[in-house]
Amino acid sequence: MNATTLTKADLVDGIYENVNRNRAEVKDIVEDLLNIMKNSIKKDHALLISGFGKFEAYGKTARRGRNPQTDESITLPPRKVVVFRLSRKFREELNG
């Protein structure tokens, strides 16, 4: 399977081809949308897009780890991670 990555520029190009706006306006709209999404995840710890999926942020506690180069035991600090879960409808489309 040969996977390609959809970039922000690809999003801008795809929208630009379908709307009556100039490329700079489309780029600003995409940037605004991504900022709204990021702020929602930071503030509410979740972003639900019906028919697509849900982004959720949660905290991980500090844990013990190991430096693979030195085999030294270290403590990894607490951090936040984001997970994405497909909606049931999109999962069915993907696998259907």
PDB file of N, CA and C in Angstrom:
ATOM      1  N   MET A   1       0.845  -1.184   0.000  1.00  0.00           N
ATOM      2  CA  MET A   1       0.000   0.000   0.000  1.00  0.00           C
ATOM      3  C   MET A   1       0.889   1.246   0.000  1.00  0.00           C
ATOM      4  N   ASN A   2       0.709   2.097  -0.955  1.00  0.00           N
ATOM      5  CA  ASN A   2       1.500   3.312  -1.063  1.00  0.00           C
ATOM      6  C   ASN A   2       0.673   4.485  -0.531  1.00  0.00           C
ATOM      7  N   ALA A   3       1.023   4.980   0.642  1.00  0.00           N
ATOM      8  CA  ALA A   3       0.271   6.056   1.280  1.00  0.00           C
ATOM      9  C   ALA A   3       0.876   7.413   0.931  1.00  0.00           C
ATOM     10  N   THR A   4       0.018   8.367   0.682  1.00  0.00           N
ATOM     11  CA  THR A   4       0.466   9.742   0.498  1.00  0.00           C
ATOM     12  C   THR A   4      -0.145  10.568   1.620  1.00  0.00           C
ATOM     13  N   THR A   5       0.468  11.669   1.902  1.00  0.00           N
ATOM     14  CA  THR A   5       0.013  12.528   2.980  1.00  0.00           C
ATOM     15  C   THR A   5      -0.681  13.754   2.409  1.00  0.00           C
ATOM     16  N   LEU A   6      -1.871  14.021   2.900  1.00  0.00           N
ATOM     17  CA  LEU A   6      -2.601  15.218   2.523  1.00  0.00           C
ATOM     18  C   LEU A   6      -2.080  16.364   3.377  1.00  0.00           C
ATOM     19  N   THR A   7      -1.549  17.393   2.752  1.00  0.00           N
ATOM     20  CA  THR A   7      -0.977  18.514   3.483  1.00  0.00           C
ATOM     21  C   THR A   7      -1.966  19.675   3.567  1.00  0.00           C
ATOM     22  N   LYS A   8      -1.610  20.671   4.363  1.00  0.00           N
ATOM     23  CA  LYS A   8      -2.432  21.877   4.456  1.00  0.00           C
ATOM     24  C   LYS A   8      -2.531  22.554   3.090  1.00  0.00           C
ATOM     25  N   ALA A   9      -1.433  22.561   2.342  1.00  0.00           N
ATOM     26  CA  ALA A   9      -1.435  23.146   0.995  1.00  0.00           C
ATOM     27  C   ALA A   9      -2.393  22.381   0.076  1.00  0.00           C
ATOM     28  N   ASP A  10      -2.461  21.052   0.225  1.00  0.00           N
ATOM     29  CA  ASP A  10      -3.397  20.252  -0.568  1.00  0.00           C
ATOM     30  C   ASP A  10      -4.842  20.618  -0.223  1.00  0.00           C
ATOM     31  N   LEU A  11      -5.110  20.843   1.059  1.00  0.00           N
ATOM     32  CA  LEU A  11      -6.450  21.271   1.471  1.00  0.00           C
ATOM     33  C   LEU A  11      -6.808  22.603   0.821  1.00  0.00           C
ATOM     34  N   VAL A  12      -5.877  23.541   0.884  1.00  0.00           N
ATOM     35  CA  VAL A  12      -6.105  24.864   0.290  1.00  0.00           C
ATOM     36  C   VAL A  12      -6.377  24.717  -1.202  1.00  0.00           C
ATOM     37  N   ASP A  13      -5.560  23.936  -1.893  1.00  0.00           N
ATOM     38  CA  ASP A  13      -5.748  23.738  -3.336  1.00  0.00           C
ATOM     39  C   ASP A  13      -7.098  23.105  -3.651  1.00  0.00           C
ATOM     40  N   GLY A  14      -7.485  22.081  -2.865  1.00  0.00           N
ATOM     41  CA  GLY A  14      -8.755  21.412  -3.094  1.00  0.00           C
ATOM     42  C   GLY A  14      -9.941  22.330  -2.911  1.00  0.00           C
ATOM     43  N   ILE A  15      -9.898  23.163  -1.889  1.00  0.00           N
ATOM     44  CA  ILE A  15     -10.991  24.109  -1.646  1.00  0.00           C
ATOM     45  C   ILE A  15     -10.968  25.205  -2.706  1.00  0.00           C
ATOM     46  N   TYR A  16      -9.787  25.693  -3.032  1.00  0.00           N
ATOM     47  CA  TYR A  16      -9.632  26.756  -4.033  1.00  0.00           C
ATOM     48  C   TYR A  16     -10.268  26.361  -5.366  1.00  0.00           C
ATOM     49  N   GLU A  17     -10.118  25.103  -5.761  1.00  0.00           N
ATOM     50  CA  GLU A  17     -10.669  24.632  -7.033  1.00  0.00           C
ATOM     51  C   GLU A  17     -12.191  24.586  -7.031  1.00  0.00           C
ATOM     52  N   ASN A  18     -12.813  24.592  -5.834  1.00  0.00           N
ATOM     53  CA  ASN A  18     -14.264  24.439  -5.744  1.00  0.00           C
ATOM     54  C   ASN A  18     -15.019  25.682  -5.288  1.00  0.00           C
ATOM     55  N   VAL A  19     -14.323  26.763  -4.998  1.00  0.00           N
ATOM     56  CA  VAL A  19     -15.010  27.971  -4.535  1.00  0.00           C
ATOM     57  C   VAL A  19     -14.575  29.178  -5.357  1.00  0.00           C
ATOM     58  N   ASN A  20     -15.344  30.215  -5.239  1.00  0.00           N
ATOM     59  CA  ASN A  20     -15.068  31.441  -5.981  1.00  0.00           C
ATOM     60  C   ASN A  20     -14.335  32.437  -5.075  1.00  0.00           C
ATOM     61  N   ARG A  21     -13.160  32.052  -4.616  1.00  0.00           N
ATOM     62  CA  ARG A  21     -12.317  32.885  -3.753  1.00  0.00           C
ATOM     63  C   ARG A  21     -10.892  32.807  -4.250  1.00  0.00           C
ATOM     64  N   ASN A  22     -10.083  33.805  -3.878  1.00  0.00           N
ATOM     65  CA  ASN A  22      -8.675  33.700  -4.267  1.00  0.00           C
ATOM     66  C   ASN A  22      -7.932  32.806  -3.282  1.00  0.00           C
ATOM     67  N   ARG A  23      -6.774  32.343  -3.688  1.00  0.00           N
ATOM     68  CA  ARG A  23      -6.012  31.368  -2.907  1.00  0.00           C
ATOM     69  C   ARG A  23      -5.661  31.907  -1.514  1.00  0.00           C
ATOM     70  N   ALA A  24      -5.351  33.194  -1.401  1.00  0.00           N
ATOM     71  CA  ALA A  24      -4.990  33.782  -0.103  1.00  0.00           C
ATOM     72  C   ALA A  24      -6.176  33.730   0.859  1.00  0.00           C
ATOM     73  N   GLU A  25      -7.395  33.998   0.359  1.00  0.00           N
ATOM     74  CA  GLU A  25      -8.590  33.930   1.208  1.00  0.00           C
ATOM     75  C   GLU A  25      -8.833  32.496   1.679  1.00  0.00           C
ATOM     76  N   VAL A  26      -8.670  31.553   0.765  1.00  0.00           N
ATOM     77  CA  VAL A  26      -8.869  30.148   1.121  1.00  0.00           C
ATOM     78  C   VAL A  26      -7.845  29.725   2.167  1.00  0.00           C
ATOM     79  N   LYS A  27      -6.591  30.143   2.001  1.00  0.00           N
ATOM     80  CA  LYS A  27      -5.549  29.802   2.968  1.00  0.00           C
ATOM     81  C   LYS A  27      -5.906  30.353   4.350  1.00  0.00           C
ATOM     82  N   ASP A  28      -6.391  31.595   4.404  1.00  0.00           N
ATOM     83  CA  ASP A  28      -6.795  32.198   5.680  1.00  0.00           C
ATOM     84  C   ASP A  28      -7.954  31.431   6.316  1.00  0.00           C
ATOM     85  N   ILE A  29      -8.907  30.984   5.507  1.00  0.00           N
ATOM     86  CA  ILE A  29     -10.054  30.228   6.024  1.00  0.00           C
ATOM     87  C   ILE A  29      -9.587  28.902   6.603  1.00  0.00           C
ATOM     88  N   VAL A  30      -8.697  28.206   5.897  1.00  0.00           N
ATOM     89  CA  VAL A  30      -8.174  26.932   6.389  1.00  0.00           C
ATOM     90  C   VAL A  30      -7.404  27.156   7.701  1.00  0.00           C
ATOM     91  N   GLU A  31      -6.585  28.205   7.749  1.00  0.00           N
ATOM     92  CA  GLU A  31      -5.843  28.523   8.986  1.00  0.00           C
ATOM     93  C   GLU A  31      -6.802  28.797  10.135  1.00  0.00           C
ATOM     94  N   ASP A  32      -7.864  29.573   9.865  1.00  0.00           N
ATOM     95  CA  ASP A  32      -8.853  29.876  10.908  1.00  0.00           C
ATOM     96  C   ASP A  32      -9.530  28.597  11.400  1.00  0.00           C
ATOM     97  N   LEU A  33      -9.912  27.714  10.481  1.00  0.00           N
ATOM     98  CA  LEU A  33     -10.552  26.460  10.857  1.00  0.00           C
ATOM     99  C   LEU A  33      -9.633  25.614  11.734  1.00  0.00           C
ATOM    100  N   LEU A  34      -8.377  25.497  11.352  1.00  0.00           N
ATOM    101  CA  LEU A  34      -7.429  24.709  12.143  1.00  0.00           C
ATOM    102  C   LEU A  34      -7.199  25.320  13.518  1.00  0.00           C
ATOM    103  N   ASN A  35      -7.171  26.651  13.598  1.00  0.00           N
ATOM    104  CA  ASN A  35      -7.016  27.320  14.904  1.00  0.00           C
ATOM    105  C   ASN A  35      -8.229  27.069  15.797  1.00  0.00           C
ATOM    106  N   ILE A  36      -9.430  27.096  15.213  1.00  0.00           N
ATOM    107  CA  ILE A  36     -10.645  26.800  15.986  1.00  0.00           C
ATOM    108  C   ILE A  36     -10.576  25.374  16.517  1.00  0.00           C
ATOM    109  N   MET A  37     -10.133  24.445  15.674  1.00  0.00           N
ATOM    110  CA  MET A  37     -10.024  23.044  16.083  1.00  0.00           C
ATOM    111  C   MET A  37      -9.000  22.883  17.203  1.00  0.00           C
ATOM    112  N   LYS A  38      -7.822  23.500  17.046  1.00  0.00           N
ATOM    113  CA  LYS A  38      -6.779  23.395  18.072  1.00  0.00           C
ATOM    114  C   LYS A  38      -7.247  23.984  19.397  1.00  0.00           C
ATOM    115  N   ASN A  39      -7.879  25.171  19.339  1.00  0.00           N
ATOM    116  CA  ASN A  39      -8.341  25.820  20.567  1.00  0.00           C
ATOM    117  C   ASN A  39      -9.425  25.001  21.256  1.00  0.00           C
ATOM    118  N   SER A  40     -10.287  24.361  20.481  1.00  0.00           N
ATOM    119  CA  SER A  40     -11.330  23.520  21.061  1.00  0.00           C
ATOM    120  C   SER A  40     -10.716  22.343  21.803  1.00  0.00           C
ATOM    121  N   ILE A  41      -9.733  21.705  21.207  1.00  0.00           N
ATOM    122  CA  ILE A  41      -9.086  20.565  21.858  1.00  0.00           C
ATOM    123  C   ILE A  41      -8.349  21.018  23.114  1.00  0.00           C
ATOM    124  N   LYS A  42      -7.676  22.175  23.048  1.00  0.00           N
ATOM    125  CA  LYS A  42      -6.964  22.685  24.221  1.00  0.00           C
ATOM    126  C   LYS A  42      -7.935  23.028  25.352  1.00  0.00           C
ATOM    127  N   LYS A  43      -9.051  23.695  25.008  1.00  0.00           N
ATOM    128  CA  LYS A  43      -9.975  24.194  26.012  1.00  0.00           C
ATOM    129  C   LYS A  43     -10.920  23.110  26.526  1.00  0.00           C
ATOM    130  N   ASP A  44     -11.553  22.401  25.620  1.00  0.00           N
ATOM    131  CA  ASP A  44     -12.588  21.430  25.988  1.00  0.00           C
ATOM    132  C   ASP A  44     -12.062  20.000  26.035  1.00  0.00           C
ATOM    133  N   HIS A  45     -10.853  19.798  25.579  1.00  0.00           N
ATOM    134  CA  HIS A  45     -10.237  18.476  25.531  1.00  0.00           C
ATOM    135  C   HIS A  45     -10.938  17.523  24.569  1.00  0.00           C
ATOM    136  N   ALA A  46     -11.831  18.046  23.699  1.00  0.00           N
ATOM    137  CA  ALA A  46     -12.490  17.186  22.721  1.00  0.00           C
ATOM    138  C   ALA A  46     -13.000  18.031  21.559  1.00  0.00           C
ATOM    139  N   LEU A  47     -13.048  17.391  20.398  1.00  0.00           N
ATOM    140  CA  LEU A  47     -13.600  18.016  19.195  1.00  0.00           C
ATOM    141  C   LEU A  47     -14.328  16.934  18.429  1.00  0.00           C
ATOM    142  N   LEU A  48     -15.643  17.071  18.300  1.00  0.00           N
ATOM    143  CA  LEU A  48     -16.467  16.087  17.607  1.00  0.00           C
ATOM    144  C   LEU A  48     -16.892  16.660  16.265  1.00  0.00           C
ATOM    145  N   ILE A  49     -16.606  15.934  15.194  1.00  0.00           N
ATOM    146  CA  ILE A  49     -17.052  16.300  13.858  1.00  0.00           C
ATOM    147  C   ILE A  49     -17.956  15.169  13.391  1.00  0.00           C
ATOM    148  N   SER A  50     -19.268  15.425  13.414  1.00  0.00           N
ATOM    149  CA  SER A  50     -20.243  14.388  13.092  1.00  0.00           C
ATOM    150  C   SER A  50     -19.961  13.773  11.734  1.00  0.00           C
ATOM    151  N   GLY A  51     -20.056  12.463  11.665  1.00  0.00           N
ATOM    152  CA  GLY A  51     -19.827  11.745  10.422  1.00  0.00           C
ATOM    153  C   GLY A  51     -18.360  11.566  10.080  1.00  0.00           C
ATOM    154  N   PHE A  52     -17.468  12.118  10.907  1.00  0.00           N
ATOM    155  CA  PHE A  52     -16.029  11.999  10.656  1.00  0.00           C
ATOM    156  C   PHE A  52     -15.336  11.321  11.822  1.00  0.00           C
ATOM    157  N   GLY A  53     -15.398  11.954  12.998  1.00  0.00           N
ATOM    158  CA  GLY A  53     -14.766  11.356  14.162  1.00  0.00           C
ATOM    159  C   GLY A  53     -14.616  12.351  15.292  1.00  0.00           C
ATOM    160  N   LYS A  54     -13.888  11.906  16.316  1.00  0.00           N
ATOM    161  CA  LYS A  54     -13.713  12.714  17.517  1.00  0.00           C
ATOM    162  C   LYS A  54     -12.246  12.749  17.917  1.00  0.00           C
ATOM    163  N   PHE A  55     -11.745  13.955  18.143  1.00  0.00           N
ATOM    164  CA  PHE A  55     -10.403  14.165  18.679  1.00  0.00           C
ATOM    165  C   PHE A  55     -10.559  14.388  20.172  1.00  0.00           C
ATOM    166  N   GLU A  56      -9.766  13.677  20.969  1.00  0.00           N
ATOM    167  CA  GLU A  56      -9.824  13.848  22.415  1.00  0.00           C
ATOM    168  C   GLU A  56      -8.418  13.988  22.975  1.00  0.00           C
ATOM    169  N   ALA A  57      -8.264  14.939  23.902  1.00  0.00           N
ATOM    170  CA  ALA A  57      -6.985  15.133  24.584  1.00  0.00           C
ATOM    171  C   ALA A  57      -7.122  14.617  26.004  1.00  0.00           C
ATOM    172  N   TYR A  58      -6.102  13.946  26.475  1.00  0.00           N
ATOM    173  CA  TYR A  58      -6.104  13.513  27.864  1.00  0.00           C
ATOM    174  C   TYR A  58      -4.680  13.524  28.394  1.00  0.00           C
ATOM    175  N   GLY A  59      -4.582  13.610  29.710  1.00  0.00           N
ATOM    176  CA  GLY A  59      -3.276  13.679  30.349  1.00  0.00           C
ATOM    177  C   GLY A  59      -2.733  12.300  30.671  1.00  0.00           C
ATOM    178  N   LYS A  60      -1.457  12.144  30.481  1.00  0.00           N
ATOM    179  CA  LYS A  60      -0.763  10.916  30.892  1.00  0.00           C
ATOM    180  C   LYS A  60       0.094  11.278  32.096  1.00  0.00           C
ATOM    181  N   THR A  61       0.134  10.397  33.058  1.00  0.00           N
ATOM    182  CA  THR A  61       0.921  10.667  34.255  1.00  0.00           C
ATOM    183  C   THR A  61       2.399  10.397  33.988  1.00  0.00           C
ATOM    184  N   ALA A  62       3.225  10.877  34.896  1.00  0.00           N
ATOM    185  CA  ALA A  62       4.662  10.607  34.800  1.00  0.00           C
ATOM    186  C   ALA A  62       4.871   9.103  34.916  1.00  0.00           C
ATOM    187  N   ARG A  63       5.889   8.600  34.247  1.00  0.00           N
ATOM    188  CA  ARG A  63       6.151   7.164  34.310  1.00  0.00           C
ATOM    189  C   ARG A  63       7.638   6.888  34.194  1.00  0.00           C
ATOM    190  N   ARG A  64       8.009   5.695  34.593  1.00  0.00           N
ATOM    191  CA  ARG A  64       9.408   5.297  34.504  1.00  0.00           C
ATOM    192  C   ARG A  64       9.697   4.853  33.077  1.00  0.00           C
ATOM    193  N   GLY A  65      10.879   5.220  32.603  1.00  0.00           N
ATOM    194  CA  GLY A  65      11.312   4.826  31.275  1.00  0.00           C
ATOM    195  C   GLY A  65      12.781   4.456  31.304  1.00  0.00           C
ATOM    196  N   ARG A  66      13.313   4.222  30.124  1.00  0.00           N
ATOM    197  CA  ARG A  66      14.708   3.807  30.024  1.00  0.00           C
ATOM    198  C   ARG A  66      15.317   4.451  28.802  1.00  0.00           C
ATOM    199  N   ASN A  67      16.505   5.030  28.961  1.00  0.00           N
ATOM    200  CA  ASN A  67      17.249   5.576  27.832  1.00  0.00           C
ATOM    201  C   ASN A  67      17.850   4.386  27.079  1.00  0.00           C
ATOM    202  N   PRO A  68      17.430   4.151  25.826  1.00  0.00           N
ATOM    203  CA  PRO A  68      17.902   2.961  25.114  1.00  0.00           C
ATOM    204  C   PRO A  68      19.396   3.006  24.773  1.00  0.00           C
ATOM    205  N   GLN A  69      19.976   4.189  24.735  1.00  0.00           N
ATOM    206  CA  GLN A  69      21.410   4.289  24.408  1.00  0.00           C
ATOM    207  C   GLN A  69      22.297   3.966  25.609  1.00  0.00           C
ATOM    208  N   THR A  70      21.859   4.399  26.808  1.00  0.00           N
ATOM    209  CA  THR A  70      22.699   4.210  28.000  1.00  0.00           C
ATOM    210  C   THR A  70      22.127   3.169  28.965  1.00  0.00           C
ATOM    211  N   ASP A  71      20.904   2.710  28.698  1.00  0.00           N
ATOM    212  CA  ASP A  71      20.204   1.770  29.572  1.00  0.00           C
ATOM    213  C   ASP A  71      19.910   2.384  30.945  1.00  0.00           C
ATOM    214  N   GLU A  72      20.050   3.702  31.056  1.00  0.00           N
ATOM    215  CA  GLU A  72      19.795   4.409  32.309  1.00  0.00           C
ATOM    216  C   GLU A  72      18.289   4.536  32.540  1.00  0.00           C
ATOM    217  N   SER A  73      17.855   4.356  33.783  1.00  0.00           N
ATOM    218  CA  SER A  73      16.465   4.525  34.167  1.00  0.00           C
ATOM    219  C   SER A  73      16.163   6.018  34.282  1.00  0.00           C
ATOM    220  N   ILE A  74      15.053   6.451  33.694  1.00  0.00           N
ATOM    221  CA  ILE A  74      14.665   7.866  33.752  1.00  0.00           C
ATOM    222  C   ILE A  74      13.183   7.954  34.083  1.00  0.00           C
ATOM    223  N   THR A  75      12.752   9.141  34.502  1.00  0.00           N
ATOM    224  CA  THR A  75      11.334   9.394  34.734  1.00  0.00           C
ATOM    225  C   THR A  75      10.834  10.303  33.616  1.00  0.00           C
ATOM    226  N   LEU A  76       9.846   9.817  32.881  1.00  0.00           N
ATOM    227  CA  LEU A  76       9.249  10.613  31.806  1.00  0.00           C
ATOM    228  C   LEU A  76       8.189  11.524  32.428  1.00  0.00           C
ATOM    229  N   PRO A  77       8.210  12.808  32.102  1.00  0.00           N
ATOM    230  CA  PRO A  77       7.284  13.754  32.726  1.00  0.00           C
ATOM    231  C   PRO A  77       5.845  13.541  32.253  1.00  0.00           C
ATOM    232  N   PRO A  78       4.880  14.067  33.029  1.00  0.00           N
ATOM    233  CA  PRO A  78       3.484  13.991  32.576  1.00  0.00           C
ATOM    234  C   PRO A  78       3.324  14.781  31.281  1.00  0.00           C
ATOM    235  N   ARG A  79       2.361  14.368  30.452  1.00  0.00           N
ATOM    236  CA  ARG A  79       2.156  15.056  29.175  1.00  0.00           C
ATOM    237  C   ARG A  79       0.730  14.851  28.712  1.00  0.00           C
ATOM    238  N   LYS A  80       0.331  15.636  27.748  1.00  0.00           N
ATOM    239  CA  LYS A  80      -0.986  15.493  27.135  1.00  0.00           C
ATOM    240  C   LYS A  80      -0.814  14.811  25.784  1.00  0.00           C
ATOM    241  N   VAL A  81      -1.773  13.962  25.448  1.00  0.00           N
ATOM    242  CA  VAL A  81      -1.780  13.307  24.153  1.00  0.00           C
ATOM    243  C   VAL A  81      -3.157  13.489  23.528  1.00  0.00           C
ATOM    244  N   VAL A  82      -3.211  13.431  22.208  1.00  0.00           N
ATOM    245  CA  VAL A  82      -4.467  13.545  21.481  1.00  0.00           C
ATOM    246  C   VAL A  82      -4.691  12.243  20.724  1.00  0.00           C
ATOM    247  N   VAL A  83      -5.897  11.703  20.838  1.00  0.00           N
ATOM    248  CA  VAL A  83      -6.265  10.509  20.092  1.00  0.00           C
ATOM    249  C   VAL A  83      -7.430  10.862  19.165  1.00  0.00           C
ATOM    250  N   PHE A  84      -7.546  10.118  18.070  1.00  0.00           N
ATOM    251  CA  PHE A  84      -8.645  10.303  17.127  1.00  0.00           C
ATOM    252  C   PHE A  84      -9.393   8.995  17.002  1.00  0.00           C
ATOM    253  N   ARG A  85     -10.708   9.084  17.108  1.00  0.00           N
ATOM    254  CA  ARG A  85     -11.557   7.906  16.941  1.00  0.00           C
ATOM    255  C   ARG A  85     -12.530   8.169  15.793  1.00  0.00           C
ATOM    256  N   LEU A  86     -12.521   7.271  14.810  1.00  0.00           N
ATOM    257  CA  LEU A  86     -13.431   7.396  13.676  1.00  0.00           C
ATOM    258  C   LEU A  86     -14.877   7.271  14.127  1.00  0.00           C
ATOM    259  N   SER A  87     -15.764   7.988  13.448  1.00  0.00           N
ATOM    260  CA  SER A  87     -17.189   7.792  13.710  1.00  0.00           C
ATOM    261  C   SER A  87     -17.599   6.438  13.144  1.00  0.00           C
ATOM    262  N   ARG A  88     -18.653   5.886  13.664  1.00  0.00           N
ATOM    263  CA  ARG A  88     -19.139   4.594  13.187  1.00  0.00           C
ATOM    264  C   ARG A  88     -19.469   4.668  11.689  1.00  0.00           C
ATOM    265  N   LYS A  89     -20.114   5.767  11.292  1.00  0.00           N
ATOM    266  CA  LYS A  89     -20.505   5.941   9.887  1.00  0.00           C
ATOM    267  C   LYS A  89     -19.275   5.957   8.976  1.00  0.00           C
ATOM    268  N   PHE A  90     -18.252   6.693   9.345  1.00  0.00           N
ATOM    269  CA  PHE A  90     -17.029   6.777   8.520  1.00  0.00           C
ATOM    270  C   PHE A  90     -16.297   5.434   8.518  1.00  0.00           C
ATOM    271  N   ARG A  91     -16.278   4.741   9.659  1.00  0.00           N
ATOM    272  CA  ARG A  91     -15.634   3.432   9.732  1.00  0.00           C
ATOM    273  C   ARG A  91     -16.296   2.458   8.773  1.00  0.00           C
ATOM    274  N   GLU A  92     -17.644   2.500   8.723  1.00  0.00           N
ATOM    275  CA  GLU A  92     -18.382   1.627   7.802  1.00  0.00           C
ATOM    276  C   GLU A  92     -18.065   1.976   6.350  1.00  0.00           C
ATOM    277  N   GLU A  93     -17.972   3.281   6.037  1.00  0.00           N
ATOM    278  CA  GLU A  93     -17.612   3.704   4.672  1.00  0.00           C
ATOM    279  C   GLU A  93     -16.223   3.222   4.315  1.00  0.00           C
ATOM    280  N   LEU A  94     -15.307   3.342   5.248  1.00  0.00           N
ATOM    281  CA  LEU A  94     -13.919   2.971   5.012  1.00  0.00           C
ATOM    282  C   LEU A  94     -13.769   1.469   4.787  1.00  0.00           C
ATOM    283  N   ASN A  95     -14.507   0.691   5.548  1.00  0.00           N
ATOM    284  CA  ASN A  95     -14.391  -0.767   5.471  1.00  0.00           C
ATOM    285  C   ASN A  95     -15.451  -1.420   4.592  1.00  0.00           C
ATOM    286  N   GLY A  96     -16.421  -0.627   4.119  1.00  0.00           N
ATOM    287  CA  GLY A  96     -17.564  -1.180   3.409  1.00  0.00           C
ATOM    288  C   GLY A  96     -17.326  -1.506   2.004  1.00  0.00           C
TER     289      GLY A  96
END
